[in-house]
Amino acid sequence: MIREWNEESLDHRNTLLYAMGIAEEDAKRPIIGLVNSWNEMNPGHFPFKDVIAEMKEEIYRAGGLALELPITGICDGICSNTPGDRYTLPARDMVSTEVETVAELNMLEGMVYGCGPLQRPHAHTHTHQAGICRLHCGRYERRGL
């Protein structure tokens, strides 16, 4: 483990992982969060749905346990020139805080996040400050991992 857990906290975490069907041996692997902003209202993030299973398999083969953590994903193009347009800038901060929160409270040892150009710089800054290994998987990564 990269992150340090006290015995009681690790027991609690593992019990919950076992309850979700994760094997004891797999719970010992570093947990890599797949922070995923896929949703049906965001064409820029739509390809993420297709690559998640493959990413999980690759991370597993490399020795980690990938668990998906959905986060908010907005499309500034869909809300452009509507009253919803006023939410795009504040949403950047909301998403970056959400990424940092799920990474820290789950004590992720690494993460791959798929988010658009609006959220990427903020998510990168927050995870860097939290000391979490990260890899950005942009919407064009569908061509090859």
Protein backbone atom coordinates (compact mmCIF):
# COMPACT_ATOMS: atom_id res chain seq x y z
CA MET A 1 0.00 0.00 0.00
CA ILE A 2 1.23 3.47 -0.83
CA ARG A 3 -1.12 5.31 1.51
CA GLU A 4 -0.90 4.48 5.18
CA TRP A 5 -4.00 3.04 6.79
CA ASN A 6 -4.37 2.31 10.46
CA GLU A 7 -5.52 -1.24 11.15
CA GLU A 8 -9.07 -0.33 12.17
CA SER A 9 -9.66 1.88 9.13
CA LEU A 10 -8.25 -0.74 6.80
CA ASP A 11 -10.55 -3.37 8.35
CA HIS A 12 -13.56 -1.10 7.79
CA ARG A 13 -12.59 -0.37 4.21
CA ASN A 14 -11.91 -3.99 3.37
CA THR A 15 -15.17 -5.16 4.93
CA LEU A 16 -17.07 -2.79 2.67
CA LEU A 17 -15.04 -3.86 -0.38
CA TYR A 18 -15.78 -7.52 0.43
CA ALA A 19 -19.48 -6.66 0.73
CA MET A 20 -19.32 -5.34 -2.84
CA GLY A 21 -17.90 -8.66 -4.01
CA ILE A 22 -14.23 -7.72 -4.14
CA ALA A 23 -11.99 -10.65 -3.25
CA GLU A 24 -9.65 -10.43 -0.28
CA GLU A 25 -6.59 -10.74 -2.53
CA ASP A 26 -7.85 -7.92 -4.77
CA ALA A 27 -8.45 -5.63 -1.78
CA LYS A 28 -4.68 -5.74 -1.13
CA ARG A 29 -3.96 -4.13 -4.51
CA PRO A 30 -3.42 -0.36 -4.82
CA ILE A 31 -6.80 1.24 -5.48
CA ILE A 32 -6.87 3.35 -8.61
CA GLY A 33 -9.92 5.55 -8.98
CA LEU A 34 -11.42 5.91 -12.43
CA VAL A 35 -12.90 9.34 -11.95
CA ASN A 36 -15.45 9.37 -14.73
CA SER A 37 -17.57 12.27 -15.91
CA TRP A 38 -19.51 10.23 -18.48
CA ASN A 39 -23.16 11.13 -18.91
CA GLU A 40 -25.72 11.16 -21.70
CA MET A 41 -25.87 14.97 -21.90
CA ASN A 42 -22.20 15.50 -22.61
CA PRO A 43 -21.01 14.58 -26.10
CA GLY A 44 -17.38 15.35 -25.27
CA HIS A 45 -17.38 12.80 -22.46
CA PHE A 46 -19.57 10.23 -24.18
CA PRO A 47 -16.68 7.95 -25.30
CA PHE A 48 -15.65 7.35 -21.67
CA LYS A 49 -18.48 4.85 -21.29
CA ASP A 50 -16.87 2.60 -23.90
CA VAL A 51 -13.36 2.55 -22.45
CA ILE A 52 -13.99 2.00 -18.73
CA ALA A 53 -14.06 -1.83 -18.83
CA GLU A 54 -10.84 -1.92 -20.86
CA MET A 55 -9.15 0.52 -18.48
CA LYS A 56 -10.17 -1.61 -15.49
CA GLU A 57 -8.69 -4.71 -17.12
CA GLU A 58 -5.41 -2.95 -17.96
CA ILE A 59 -5.04 -1.56 -14.44
CA TYR A 60 -5.77 -5.00 -12.99
CA ARG A 61 -3.12 -6.58 -15.22
CA ALA A 62 -0.67 -3.95 -14.00
CA GLY A 63 -1.34 -4.88 -10.36
CA GLY A 64 -3.97 -2.34 -9.32
CA LEU A 65 -7.66 -2.47 -8.55
CA ALA A 66 -9.61 0.10 -10.56
CA LEU A 67 -12.88 1.34 -9.10
CA GLU A 68 -15.10 3.81 -10.93
CA LEU A 69 -16.04 7.07 -9.22
CA PRO A 70 -18.59 9.06 -11.21
CA ILE A 71 -18.43 12.85 -10.98
CA THR A 72 -20.34 15.73 -12.48
CA GLY A 73 -19.74 16.35 -16.18
CA ILE A 74 -21.07 19.44 -17.90
CA CYS A 75 -21.04 20.47 -21.52
CA ASP A 76 -20.64 24.20 -22.03
CA GLY A 77 -21.66 23.73 -25.67
CA ILE A 78 -25.10 22.37 -24.83
CA CYS A 79 -25.88 25.21 -22.43
CA SER A 80 -24.26 27.89 -24.61
CA ASN A 81 -26.40 31.01 -25.02
CA THR A 82 -28.95 29.77 -22.48
CA PRO A 83 -29.53 30.74 -18.85
CA GLY A 84 -27.53 27.60 -17.97
CA ASP A 85 -24.43 29.20 -19.46
CA ARG A 86 -23.86 31.10 -16.23
CA TYR A 87 -23.08 27.81 -14.46
CA THR A 88 -20.15 26.69 -16.60
CA LEU A 89 -17.43 28.68 -14.82
CA PRO A 90 -18.62 27.92 -11.26
CA ALA A 91 -18.99 24.27 -12.31
CA ARG A 92 -15.23 24.10 -12.94
CA ASP A 93 -14.52 24.75 -9.29
CA MET A 94 -17.29 22.40 -8.22
CA VAL A 95 -15.89 19.56 -10.33
CA SER A 96 -12.30 20.09 -9.22
CA THR A 97 -13.40 20.09 -5.59
CA GLU A 98 -15.44 16.95 -6.25
CA VAL A 99 -12.39 15.20 -7.76
CA GLU A 100 -10.21 16.15 -4.81
CA THR A 101 -12.91 15.07 -2.37
CA VAL A 102 -13.47 11.59 -3.83
CA ALA A 103 -9.72 11.06 -4.14
CA GLU A 104 -8.97 12.06 -0.56
CA LEU A 105 -11.92 10.51 1.24
CA ASN A 106 -11.38 7.20 -0.54
CA MET A 107 -7.61 7.42 0.01
CA LEU A 108 -6.94 6.55 -3.62
CA GLU A 109 -3.41 5.53 -4.43
CA GLY A 110 -3.78 6.73 -7.97
CA MET A 111 -6.42 7.90 -10.35
CA VAL A 112 -7.29 8.23 -13.98
CA TYR A 113 -9.70 11.01 -14.64
CA GLY A 114 -11.70 11.61 -17.74
CA CYS A 115 -12.92 15.15 -17.87
CA GLY A 116 -13.14 17.80 -20.48
CA PRO A 117 -10.94 20.82 -21.03
CA LEU A 118 -13.08 22.88 -18.64
CA GLN A 119 -12.30 20.69 -15.63
CA ARG A 120 -8.84 19.30 -16.45
CA PRO A 121 -6.63 22.13 -15.10
CA HIS A 122 -8.59 22.37 -11.88
CA ALA A 123 -8.68 18.63 -11.28
CA HIS A 124 -4.94 18.43 -11.97
CA THR A 125 -4.17 21.21 -9.48
CA HIS A 126 -6.27 19.71 -6.69
CA THR A 127 -4.92 16.17 -7.09
CA HIS A 128 -1.36 17.51 -7.28
CA GLN A 129 -1.90 19.33 -3.99
CA ALA A 130 -3.30 16.13 -2.47
CA GLY A 131 -0.22 14.15 -3.56
CA ILE A 132 -2.13 11.62 -5.66
CA CYS A 133 -0.66 9.94 -8.73
CA ARG A 134 -2.88 10.79 -11.68
CA LEU A 135 -3.29 10.33 -15.38
CA HIS A 136 -5.65 12.36 -17.51
CA CYS A 137 -7.56 10.45 -20.16
CA GLY A 138 -9.04 13.03 -22.50
CA ARG A 139 -11.95 12.54 -24.80
CA TYR A 140 -9.70 11.82 -27.77
CA GLU A 141 -7.97 8.94 -25.99
CA ARG A 142 -10.60 6.63 -27.44
CA ARG A 143 -8.25 6.12 -30.39
CA GLY A 144 -5.92 4.16 -28.12
CA LEU A 145 -5.09 3.92 -24.45
